[in-house]
Each structure stands twice: as C-alpha cells, then as structure tokens.
Amino acid sequence: MTYRCCLTAGTVTKLSLLLLLVSLLGACAPVQPWERGHLAQANMALAADPLRDAMDEHVYNSKEASSGGMGAAGGGCGCN
C-alpha cells in the first residue's frame, strides 16, 4: 500500500501565507481610551528627538548635494 502526498509547493505556499496573515491579524487589538495615555508617552515615539532627526537629515542631504538623498533615485546632476 502506497500513500501519496497531497501537499504541493503551491499548497504549502498558500498555507504559509494564510498562517502569516492569521498571526498578523491576531496582533491587532482595539485600544481603549484610558489605555491611550500609555501609548502617547515620549519613549513610544518613533523619533526620540524630531528636531535632531530633521537636522541630521538636512546635513545628510547637504552632503549628498541633492535633495531626497534618503532613498530617492538620481543625484544632484539632474540625471535620473
């Protein structure tokens, strides 16, 4: 008696994506109004010092001799 595997590469990929989606959706939760104060603390901010980050980006763009040196295509010569 022989058994055949019914899992093909496409099936495994679809199951993997479904598992990933379910795990990501499980991380979503409503935040109650009284809990929002904890999320608004300074240590929860993406940038600890927005003014310093803006200055660092300005200096970086100035050294690159182009605006948009943070991932934009092209250089300061006008060629894209």
C-alpha atoms as a PDB file:
ATOM      1  CA  MET A   1       0.000   0.000   0.000  1.00  0.00           C
ATOM      2  CA  THR A   2       1.469   3.377  -1.033  1.00  0.00           C
ATOM      3  CA  TYR A   3       0.459   6.810   0.120  1.00  0.00           C
ATOM      4  CA  ARG A   4       0.624   9.935  -1.994  1.00  0.00           C
ATOM      5  CA  CYS A   5       1.386  13.297  -0.531  1.00  0.00           C
ATOM      6  CA  CYS A   6      -1.309  15.830  -1.353  1.00  0.00           C
ATOM      7  CA  LEU A   7       0.791  18.879  -0.417  1.00  0.00           C
ATOM      8  CA  THR A   8       2.238  20.554  -3.477  1.00  0.00           C
ATOM      9  CA  ALA A   9       4.528  23.570  -3.462  1.00  0.00           C
ATOM     10  CA  GLY A  10       1.587  25.874  -4.224  1.00  0.00           C
ATOM     11  CA  THR A  11      -0.460  24.422  -1.375  1.00  0.00           C
ATOM     12  CA  VAL A  12       2.392  24.832   1.074  1.00  0.00           C
ATOM     13  CA  THR A  13       2.866  28.449  -0.042  1.00  0.00           C
ATOM     14  CA  LYS A  14      -0.832  29.217   0.354  1.00  0.00           C
ATOM     15  CA  LEU A  15      -0.926  27.619   3.787  1.00  0.00           C
ATOM     16  CA  SER A  16       2.177  29.558   4.834  1.00  0.00           C
ATOM     17  CA  LEU A  17       0.652  32.850   3.703  1.00  0.00           C
ATOM     18  CA  LEU A  18      -2.612  32.041   5.470  1.00  0.00           C
ATOM     19  CA  LEU A  19      -0.722  31.247   8.680  1.00  0.00           C
ATOM     20  CA  LEU A  20       1.215  34.516   8.397  1.00  0.00           C
ATOM     21  CA  LEU A  21      -1.979  36.506   7.812  1.00  0.00           C
ATOM     22  CA  VAL A  22      -3.739  34.917  10.767  1.00  0.00           C
ATOM     23  CA  SER A  23      -0.768  35.583  13.047  1.00  0.00           C
ATOM     24  CA  LEU A  24      -0.612  39.240  11.941  1.00  0.00           C
ATOM     25  CA  LEU A  25      -4.330  39.762  12.440  1.00  0.00           C
ATOM     26  CA  GLY A  26      -4.031  38.374  15.932  1.00  0.00           C
ATOM     27  CA  ALA A  27      -1.722  41.263  16.809  1.00  0.00           C
ATOM     28  CA  CYS A  28      -4.412  43.854  16.056  1.00  0.00           C
ATOM     29  CA  ALA A  29      -6.369  44.920  19.108  1.00  0.00           C
ATOM     30  CA  PRO A  30      -8.596  47.885  19.852  1.00  0.00           C
ATOM     31  CA  VAL A  31      -7.090  50.370  22.279  1.00  0.00           C
ATOM     32  CA  GLN A  32      -9.405  51.698  24.938  1.00  0.00           C
ATOM     33  CA  PRO A  33      -9.415  55.468  25.599  1.00  0.00           C
ATOM     34  CA  TRP A  34      -7.928  55.031  29.087  1.00  0.00           C
ATOM     35  CA  GLU A  35      -5.049  52.980  27.633  1.00  0.00           C
ATOM     36  CA  ARG A  36      -4.023  55.585  25.077  1.00  0.00           C
ATOM     37  CA  GLY A  37      -2.075  57.613  27.613  1.00  0.00           C
ATOM     38  CA  HIS A  38       0.499  54.830  27.863  1.00  0.00           C
ATOM     39  CA  LEU A  39       0.970  54.791  24.083  1.00  0.00           C
ATOM     40  CA  ALA A  40       1.392  58.564  23.934  1.00  0.00           C
ATOM     41  CA  GLN A  41       4.462  58.589  26.169  1.00  0.00           C
ATOM     42  CA  ALA A  42       7.675  60.070  24.812  1.00  0.00           C
ATOM     43  CA  ASN A  43       9.513  56.748  24.878  1.00  0.00           C
ATOM     44  CA  MET A  44       6.907  55.265  22.499  1.00  0.00           C
ATOM     45  CA  ALA A  45       7.689  57.827  19.761  1.00  0.00           C
ATOM     46  CA  LEU A  46       9.387  56.698  16.555  1.00  0.00           C
ATOM     47  CA  ALA A  47      11.845  59.572  16.776  1.00  0.00           C
ATOM     48  CA  ALA A  48      13.141  60.468  20.220  1.00  0.00           C
ATOM     49  CA  ASP A  49      14.095  63.966  19.095  1.00  0.00           C
ATOM     50  CA  PRO A  50      12.312  65.039  15.878  1.00  0.00           C
ATOM     51  CA  LEU A  51      14.254  68.307  15.648  1.00  0.00           C
ATOM     52  CA  ARG A  52      17.591  66.471  15.810  1.00  0.00           C
ATOM     53  CA  ASP A  53      16.415  63.935  13.225  1.00  0.00           C
ATOM     54  CA  ALA A  54      15.358  66.760  10.886  1.00  0.00           C
ATOM     55  CA  MET A  55      18.743  68.432  11.333  1.00  0.00           C
ATOM     56  CA  ASP A  56      20.593  65.154  10.677  1.00  0.00           C
ATOM     57  CA  GLU A  57      18.555  64.628   7.518  1.00  0.00           C
ATOM     58  CA  HIS A  58      19.291  68.200   6.396  1.00  0.00           C
ATOM     59  CA  VAL A  59      23.027  67.704   6.897  1.00  0.00           C
ATOM     60  CA  TYR A  60      22.909  64.341   5.105  1.00  0.00           C
ATOM     61  CA  ASN A  61      21.055  65.865   2.133  1.00  0.00           C
ATOM     62  CA  SER A  62      23.506  68.760   2.012  1.00  0.00           C
ATOM     63  CA  LYS A  63      26.454  66.380   1.925  1.00  0.00           C
ATOM     64  CA  GLU A  64      24.815  64.329  -0.804  1.00  0.00           C
ATOM     65  CA  ALA A  65      24.427  67.535  -2.862  1.00  0.00           C
ATOM     66  CA  SER A  66      20.860  66.639  -3.705  1.00  0.00           C
ATOM     67  CA  SER A  67      17.501  66.824  -2.067  1.00  0.00           C
ATOM     68  CA  GLY A  68      15.993  63.448  -1.354  1.00  0.00           C
ATOM     69  CA  GLY A  69      19.246  61.688  -0.581  1.00  0.00           C
ATOM     70  CA  MET A  70      17.327  59.414   1.781  1.00  0.00           C
ATOM     71  CA  GLY A  71      16.360  56.797  -0.782  1.00  0.00           C
ATOM     72  CA  ALA A  72      15.331  58.899  -3.788  1.00  0.00           C
ATOM     73  CA  ALA A  73      16.677  57.985  -7.196  1.00  0.00           C
ATOM     74  CA  GLY A  74      19.100  60.208  -9.062  1.00  0.00           C
ATOM     75  CA  GLY A  75      21.812  62.533  -7.965  1.00  0.00           C
ATOM     76  CA  GLY A  76      22.483  66.247  -7.928  1.00  0.00           C
ATOM     77  CA  CYS A  77      23.490  66.272 -11.606  1.00  0.00           C
ATOM     78  CA  GLY A  78      19.883  66.175 -12.904  1.00  0.00           C
ATOM     79  CA  CYS A  79      20.163  62.713 -14.423  1.00  0.00           C
ATOM     80  CA  ASN A  80      17.634  60.144 -13.217  1.00  0.00           C
END
